[in-house]
Amino acid sequence: MKIVMLTGSPHKNGTTAALAEQFQRGAAEAGHEVYRFDAAFRSVHPCVACDTCRRTGTCAFSGDDMTELEPHLFAADAVVFVSPVYYFTVTAQLKAVIDRFYANGAKLRDGKKTLLLTAMSNPDPDAAAGTNTTFRRIAKLLNWEVAGILNAVGCSTPADLSEELLKQAHDLGSSLR
């Protein structure tokens, strides 16, 4: 299986990075190929709804790092979103990548699985409700199958992640079929 992992954290060794590493390890152990795109460390211009993509077939900002990501997205069997929850949603860096899906909606539609892994310092599971709803709506729009959601609540640092949460991230990667 070809998996694209889109991460949004600006912290290379942060909480969601630890979840992403466990997921990736599980996926690799199951024989899957994982392409990881760390949005916070890439140049992705936000969509400005100019509709150039609709008129010409090419995004007006096609010279940025989305050009590298897109072939992997098109070929992927699964897309995994990994982000801390900031003000009840994914980071701006990851959201910029998601918004750029607009230019390729038809190419991305149908046949993929998708997962969401989040971490947040807030101990209330409801703090992830907006993120989870947005994720499910994106999956529905693109006709992707939701294969799992993991919300690590009350986890400000990697040290806050329990062995059980790390195992769950690993198992999500290894269980994809």
Protein backbone atom coordinates (compact mmCIF):
# COMPACT_ATOMS: atom_id res chain seq x y z
CA MET A 1 0.00 0.00 0.00
CA LYS A 2 1.22 3.51 -0.80
CA ILE A 3 0.61 5.91 2.07
CA VAL A 4 1.07 9.67 2.13
CA MET A 5 1.54 11.14 5.59
CA LEU A 6 0.90 14.87 5.86
CA THR A 7 2.17 16.39 9.09
CA GLY A 8 1.45 19.90 10.31
CA SER A 9 3.53 20.45 13.41
CA PRO A 10 6.28 23.07 13.48
CA HIS A 11 8.06 20.95 16.12
CA LYS A 12 10.38 18.34 14.59
CA ASN A 13 10.50 16.32 17.80
CA GLY A 14 7.08 17.16 19.17
CA THR A 15 4.12 15.11 20.27
CA THR A 16 2.59 14.52 16.86
CA ALA A 17 6.03 13.72 15.45
CA ALA A 18 6.19 10.85 17.96
CA LEU A 19 2.74 9.63 16.86
CA ALA A 20 3.75 9.94 13.19
CA GLU A 21 6.92 7.93 13.78
CA GLN A 22 4.98 5.13 15.46
CA PHE A 23 2.39 5.07 12.68
CA GLN A 24 5.13 5.03 10.05
CA ARG A 25 6.97 2.23 11.86
CA GLY A 26 3.81 0.13 12.00
CA ALA A 27 3.07 0.78 8.33
CA ALA A 28 6.62 -0.14 7.28
CA GLU A 29 6.47 -3.35 9.34
CA ALA A 30 3.29 -4.26 7.44
CA GLY A 31 5.15 -3.75 4.14
CA HIS A 32 3.60 -0.41 3.24
CA GLU A 33 5.47 2.42 1.55
CA VAL A 34 5.15 5.76 3.37
CA TYR A 35 5.92 9.15 1.84
CA ARG A 36 6.05 11.81 4.56
CA PHE A 37 5.45 15.48 3.80
CA ASP A 38 6.15 17.79 6.75
CA ALA A 39 4.09 20.83 5.77
CA ALA A 40 5.57 23.14 8.41
CA PHE A 41 9.00 22.79 6.84
CA ARG A 42 7.89 23.12 3.23
CA SER A 43 6.87 26.02 1.04
CA VAL A 44 3.16 25.76 0.27
CA HIS A 45 1.36 28.89 -0.83
CA PRO A 46 -2.18 29.04 0.51
CA CYS A 47 -5.04 28.78 -1.96
CA VAL A 48 -6.50 32.20 -2.76
CA ALA A 49 -9.53 30.91 -4.69
CA CYS A 50 -8.35 32.59 -7.90
CA ASP A 51 -9.70 29.63 -9.93
CA THR A 52 -6.67 29.62 -12.22
CA CYS A 53 -6.66 25.85 -11.77
CA ARG A 54 -10.21 25.64 -13.12
CA ARG A 55 -9.43 27.83 -16.13
CA THR A 56 -6.00 26.42 -17.04
CA GLY A 57 -5.73 23.06 -15.28
CA THR A 58 -2.71 24.29 -13.29
CA CYS A 59 -2.57 26.02 -9.93
CA ALA A 60 -1.28 29.59 -10.03
CA PHE A 61 1.25 28.59 -7.35
CA SER A 62 2.43 25.37 -8.99
CA GLY A 63 6.08 26.26 -8.45
CA ASP A 64 5.96 25.56 -4.72
CA ASP A 65 6.42 22.26 -2.85
CA MET A 66 2.93 21.00 -3.73
CA THR A 67 4.49 20.08 -7.08
CA GLU A 68 6.59 17.46 -5.27
CA LEU A 69 3.67 16.23 -3.16
CA GLU A 70 0.99 15.91 -5.83
CA PRO A 71 2.26 12.79 -7.67
CA HIS A 72 2.46 10.98 -4.34
CA LEU A 73 -1.07 12.08 -3.44
CA PHE A 74 -2.45 10.88 -6.77
CA ALA A 75 -0.78 7.47 -6.41
CA ALA A 76 -1.63 7.02 -2.72
CA ASP A 77 -3.93 4.31 -1.44
CA ALA A 78 -4.17 6.12 1.90
CA VAL A 79 -3.64 9.67 3.18
CA VAL A 80 -2.83 10.27 6.84
CA PHE A 81 -3.22 13.69 8.45
CA VAL A 82 -1.09 14.28 11.56
CA SER A 83 -1.35 17.55 13.47
CA PRO A 84 -1.46 19.18 16.84
CA VAL A 85 -4.80 20.79 17.53
CA TYR A 86 -4.46 24.57 17.66
CA TYR A 87 -7.65 26.44 18.50
CA PHE A 88 -9.78 23.38 17.75
CA THR A 89 -8.36 22.55 14.31
CA VAL A 90 -5.21 21.47 12.47
CA THR A 91 -2.28 23.83 12.09
CA ALA A 92 -2.27 26.52 9.42
CA GLN A 93 0.62 24.77 7.68
CA LEU A 94 -1.38 21.56 7.20
CA LYS A 95 -4.54 23.48 6.33
CA ALA A 96 -2.68 25.23 3.50
CA VAL A 97 -1.89 21.82 1.99
CA ILE A 98 -5.48 20.64 2.40
CA ASP A 99 -6.84 23.82 0.81
CA ARG A 100 -4.63 23.22 -2.21
CA PHE A 101 -6.47 19.92 -2.81
CA TYR A 102 -9.01 22.18 -4.53
CA ALA A 103 -6.87 22.34 -7.66
CA ASN A 104 -6.89 18.54 -7.94
CA GLY A 105 -10.22 17.47 -6.47
CA ALA A 106 -11.16 15.24 -9.39
CA LYS A 107 -7.77 13.48 -9.37
CA LEU A 108 -7.96 12.88 -5.62
CA ARG A 109 -11.56 11.72 -5.48
CA ASP A 110 -12.50 8.11 -4.75
CA GLY A 111 -10.75 4.98 -3.65
CA LYS A 112 -8.47 6.18 -0.87
CA LYS A 113 -8.44 5.47 2.82
CA THR A 114 -7.70 8.23 5.29
CA LEU A 115 -6.68 8.57 8.92
CA LEU A 116 -6.27 11.39 11.41
CA LEU A 117 -3.77 11.53 14.28
CA THR A 118 -3.86 14.54 16.60
CA ALA A 119 -2.41 15.64 19.91
CA MET A 120 -3.47 18.50 22.14
CA SER A 121 -2.69 19.79 25.60
CA ASN A 122 -6.40 20.17 26.38
CA PRO A 123 -7.55 17.15 28.41
CA ASP A 124 -11.13 17.44 27.14
CA PRO A 125 -11.76 15.04 24.23
CA ASP A 126 -14.35 17.49 22.91
CA ALA A 127 -11.49 19.87 22.04
CA ALA A 128 -10.86 17.67 18.98
CA ALA A 129 -14.52 17.66 17.86
CA GLY A 130 -14.06 20.42 15.27
CA THR A 131 -10.95 18.79 13.83
CA ASN A 132 -12.64 15.40 13.68
CA THR A 133 -15.74 16.84 12.01
CA THR A 134 -13.69 18.72 9.41
CA PHE A 135 -11.65 15.57 8.73
CA ARG A 136 -14.80 13.49 8.24
CA ARG A 137 -16.30 16.13 5.93
CA ILE A 138 -13.13 16.19 3.80
CA ALA A 139 -13.26 12.39 3.59
CA LYS A 140 -16.92 12.50 2.57
CA LEU A 141 -16.28 15.19 -0.06
CA LEU A 142 -13.44 13.17 -1.59
CA ASN A 143 -15.26 9.86 -1.14
CA TRP A 144 -12.43 8.47 0.99
CA GLU A 145 -12.92 5.75 3.60
CA VAL A 146 -12.15 6.85 7.16
CA ALA A 147 -9.83 4.12 8.45
CA GLY A 148 -9.13 5.60 11.88
CA ILE A 149 -8.94 8.59 14.17
CA LEU A 150 -6.59 8.91 17.14
CA ASN A 151 -6.84 11.97 19.38
CA ALA A 152 -4.16 12.17 22.08
CA VAL A 153 -5.73 14.53 24.63
CA GLY A 154 -3.83 16.08 27.51
CA CYS A 155 -0.52 15.56 25.69
CA SER A 156 1.60 18.72 25.48
CA THR A 157 4.93 16.95 25.01
CA PRO A 158 6.06 13.56 23.75
CA ALA A 159 6.64 12.53 27.38
CA ASP A 160 2.89 12.90 27.94
CA LEU A 161 2.12 10.18 25.40
CA SER A 162 1.26 6.92 27.11
CA GLU A 163 2.61 3.63 25.81
CA GLU A 164 -1.00 2.81 24.90
CA LEU A 165 -1.33 5.89 22.66
CA LEU A 166 1.97 5.11 20.95
CA LYS A 167 0.82 1.51 20.44
CA GLN A 168 -2.46 2.73 18.97
CA ALA A 169 -0.58 4.91 16.46
CA HIS A 170 1.65 1.96 15.56
CA ASP A 171 -1.31 -0.37 15.22
CA LEU A 172 -3.16 2.04 12.94
CA GLY A 173 -0.16 1.92 10.59
CA SER A 174 0.22 -1.84 10.73
CA SER A 175 -3.48 -2.59 10.35
CA LEU A 176 -4.08 -0.72 7.09
CA ARG A 177 -5.21 -2.99 4.28
